[in-house]
Amino acid sequence: MKIHVNQKEYEVPDGLTVKALLDRQQIPAEGTAVAVDNKLVPKADWESRTLADGEKVTVIRAAFGG
């Protein structure tokens, strides 16, 4: 199936979870927020929230420093 992550298209396996997507992209959970089709996905739901064909995922990483 195809999904969009930060406006870039990816081919991923069916049933991929938000957590598995972040792992595949090597994105650490700490300081990360995820929205699917413009709806925030709580971190507690990342392991159970599966992605569907055509969904748009937005991953936002907090910037630290000064």
N, C-alpha and C. Protein backbone atom coordinates (compact mmCIF):
# COMPACT_ATOMS: atom_id res chain seq x y z
N MET A 1 0.84 -1.18 0.00
CA MET A 1 0.00 0.00 0.00
C MET A 1 0.88 1.24 0.00
N LYS A 2 0.31 2.35 -0.37
CA LYS A 2 1.06 3.60 -0.43
C LYS A 2 0.49 4.58 0.59
N ILE A 3 1.41 5.22 1.32
CA ILE A 3 1.04 6.28 2.24
C ILE A 3 1.95 7.47 1.97
N HIS A 4 1.58 8.61 2.51
CA HIS A 4 2.42 9.80 2.39
C HIS A 4 2.91 10.17 3.79
N VAL A 5 4.21 10.36 3.91
CA VAL A 5 4.81 10.79 5.17
C VAL A 5 5.47 12.13 4.91
N ASN A 6 4.96 13.16 5.56
CA ASN A 6 5.46 14.52 5.35
C ASN A 6 5.55 14.84 3.86
N GLN A 7 4.48 14.53 3.15
CA GLN A 7 4.27 14.83 1.73
C GLN A 7 5.16 14.03 0.78
N LYS A 8 5.78 12.96 1.28
CA LYS A 8 6.58 12.09 0.42
C LYS A 8 5.93 10.71 0.41
N GLU A 9 5.77 10.13 -0.78
CA GLU A 9 5.08 8.85 -0.90
C GLU A 9 6.01 7.69 -0.58
N TYR A 10 5.46 6.72 0.17
CA TYR A 10 6.20 5.50 0.52
C TYR A 10 5.32 4.29 0.25
N GLU A 11 5.95 3.22 -0.17
CA GLU A 11 5.29 1.92 -0.31
C GLU A 11 5.60 1.15 0.97
N VAL A 12 4.55 0.74 1.67
CA VAL A 12 4.72 0.04 2.96
C VAL A 12 3.82 -1.19 2.99
N PRO A 13 4.13 -2.15 3.87
CA PRO A 13 3.29 -3.34 3.96
C PRO A 13 1.93 -3.03 4.58
N ASP A 14 0.92 -3.80 4.20
CA ASP A 14 -0.40 -3.67 4.80
C ASP A 14 -0.31 -3.92 6.30
N GLY A 15 -1.14 -3.20 7.05
CA GLY A 15 -1.21 -3.41 8.49
C GLY A 15 -0.09 -2.76 9.28
N LEU A 16 0.70 -1.91 8.63
CA LEU A 16 1.80 -1.22 9.32
C LEU A 16 1.22 -0.29 10.39
N THR A 17 1.82 -0.32 11.58
CA THR A 17 1.37 0.57 12.65
C THR A 17 2.20 1.86 12.62
N VAL A 18 1.70 2.86 13.32
CA VAL A 18 2.44 4.12 13.44
C VAL A 18 3.81 3.84 14.06
N LYS A 19 3.86 3.04 15.11
CA LYS A 19 5.13 2.71 15.77
C LYS A 19 6.09 2.02 14.80
N ALA A 20 5.59 1.07 14.03
CA ALA A 20 6.44 0.36 13.06
C ALA A 20 6.94 1.31 11.98
N LEU A 21 6.12 2.26 11.57
CA LEU A 21 6.54 3.25 10.59
C LEU A 21 7.70 4.08 11.14
N LEU A 22 7.56 4.55 12.37
CA LEU A 22 8.63 5.34 12.97
C LEU A 22 9.91 4.51 13.09
N ASP A 23 9.76 3.25 13.46
CA ASP A 23 10.94 2.37 13.55
C ASP A 23 11.61 2.21 12.18
N ARG A 24 10.81 2.01 11.14
CA ARG A 24 11.34 1.87 9.77
C ARG A 24 12.08 3.12 9.32
N GLN A 25 11.56 4.27 9.74
CA GLN A 25 12.16 5.55 9.36
C GLN A 25 13.28 5.98 10.32
N GLN A 26 13.53 5.16 11.35
CA GLN A 26 14.54 5.43 12.37
C GLN A 26 14.29 6.77 13.05
N ILE A 27 13.03 6.99 13.40
CA ILE A 27 12.63 8.22 14.09
C ILE A 27 12.37 7.85 15.55
N PRO A 28 13.12 8.44 16.48
CA PRO A 28 12.90 8.12 17.90
C PRO A 28 11.56 8.67 18.38
N ALA A 29 10.96 7.97 19.33
CA ALA A 29 9.65 8.37 19.85
C ALA A 29 9.73 9.64 20.69
N GLU A 30 10.83 9.81 21.39
CA GLU A 30 10.96 10.97 22.27
C GLU A 30 11.01 12.27 21.45
N GLY A 31 10.16 13.20 21.81
CA GLY A 31 10.12 14.49 21.13
C GLY A 31 9.42 14.45 19.78
N THR A 32 8.63 13.39 19.53
CA THR A 32 7.96 13.23 18.25
C THR A 32 6.45 13.26 18.43
N ALA A 33 5.77 13.92 17.51
CA ALA A 33 4.30 13.92 17.46
C ALA A 33 3.91 13.40 16.08
N VAL A 34 2.79 12.65 16.03
CA VAL A 34 2.34 12.07 14.77
C VAL A 34 0.86 12.38 14.58
N ALA A 35 0.52 12.81 13.37
CA ALA A 35 -0.87 13.00 12.98
C ALA A 35 -1.14 12.17 11.73
N VAL A 36 -2.31 11.59 11.66
CA VAL A 36 -2.73 10.84 10.47
C VAL A 36 -3.98 11.54 9.94
N ASP A 37 -3.89 11.96 8.68
CA ASP A 37 -4.97 12.73 8.06
C ASP A 37 -5.39 13.90 8.96
N ASN A 38 -4.40 14.62 9.46
CA ASN A 38 -4.56 15.83 10.26
C ASN A 38 -5.20 15.60 11.62
N LYS A 39 -5.21 14.36 12.12
CA LYS A 39 -5.71 14.06 13.46
C LYS A 39 -4.56 13.49 14.29
N LEU A 40 -4.27 14.15 15.41
CA LEU A 40 -3.19 13.71 16.28
C LEU A 40 -3.43 12.28 16.77
N VAL A 41 -2.39 11.47 16.71
CA VAL A 41 -2.46 10.10 17.23
C VAL A 41 -1.70 10.11 18.56
N PRO A 42 -2.40 9.87 19.68
CA PRO A 42 -1.71 9.85 20.97
C PRO A 42 -0.63 8.77 21.00
N LYS A 43 0.46 9.07 21.66
CA LYS A 43 1.59 8.13 21.73
C LYS A 43 1.15 6.77 22.25
N ALA A 44 0.19 6.74 23.15
CA ALA A 44 -0.30 5.47 23.70
C ALA A 44 -0.97 4.60 22.64
N ASP A 45 -1.39 5.19 21.51
CA ASP A 45 -2.07 4.45 20.44
C ASP A 45 -1.16 4.06 19.29
N TRP A 46 0.11 4.44 19.33
CA TRP A 46 1.01 4.19 18.20
C TRP A 46 1.14 2.72 17.85
N GLU A 47 1.16 1.84 18.84
CA GLU A 47 1.35 0.42 18.57
C GLU A 47 0.09 -0.25 18.04
N SER A 48 -1.07 0.35 18.27
CA SER A 48 -2.33 -0.26 17.82
C SER A 48 -2.92 0.43 16.59
N ARG A 49 -2.49 1.64 16.30
CA ARG A 49 -3.07 2.40 15.17
C ARG A 49 -2.42 1.94 13.87
N THR A 50 -3.20 1.20 13.06
CA THR A 50 -2.68 0.74 11.77
C THR A 50 -2.97 1.79 10.71
N LEU A 51 -2.13 1.82 9.72
CA LEU A 51 -2.27 2.78 8.62
C LEU A 51 -2.98 2.12 7.45
N ALA A 52 -3.72 2.93 6.71
CA ALA A 52 -4.47 2.45 5.55
C ALA A 52 -3.92 3.09 4.28
N ASP A 53 -4.16 2.43 3.17
CA ASP A 53 -3.71 2.92 1.87
C ASP A 53 -4.18 4.35 1.64
N GLY A 54 -3.26 5.21 1.23
CA GLY A 54 -3.59 6.58 0.89
C GLY A 54 -3.59 7.57 2.04
N GLU A 55 -3.38 7.09 3.27
CA GLU A 55 -3.40 8.03 4.39
C GLU A 55 -2.18 8.94 4.36
N LYS A 56 -2.37 10.13 4.93
CA LYS A 56 -1.31 11.13 4.99
C LYS A 56 -0.84 11.24 6.43
N VAL A 57 0.44 10.94 6.64
CA VAL A 57 1.03 10.96 7.97
C VAL A 57 1.94 12.18 8.07
N THR A 58 1.79 12.92 9.17
CA THR A 58 2.67 14.05 9.44
C THR A 58 3.45 13.73 10.70
N VAL A 59 4.78 13.77 10.58
CA VAL A 59 5.66 13.51 11.71
C VAL A 59 6.37 14.82 12.05
N ILE A 60 6.24 15.22 13.31
CA ILE A 60 6.87 16.47 13.76
C ILE A 60 7.84 16.14 14.87
N ARG A 61 9.08 16.62 14.71
CA ARG A 61 10.11 16.41 15.72
C ARG A 61 10.38 17.74 16.41
N ALA A 62 10.42 17.69 17.73
CA ALA A 62 10.76 18.89 18.51
C ALA A 62 12.24 19.19 18.35
N ALA A 63 12.55 20.46 18.25
CA ALA A 63 13.96 20.89 18.16
C ALA A 63 14.40 21.37 19.53
N PHE A 64 15.55 20.88 19.96
CA PHE A 64 16.07 21.26 21.26
C PHE A 64 17.34 22.08 21.05
N GLY A 65 17.62 22.91 21.99
CA GLY A 65 18.86 23.68 21.91
C GLY A 65 18.58 25.17 22.09
N GLY A 66 19.60 25.95 21.93
CA GLY A 66 19.41 27.36 22.18
C GLY A 66 20.18 28.23 21.25
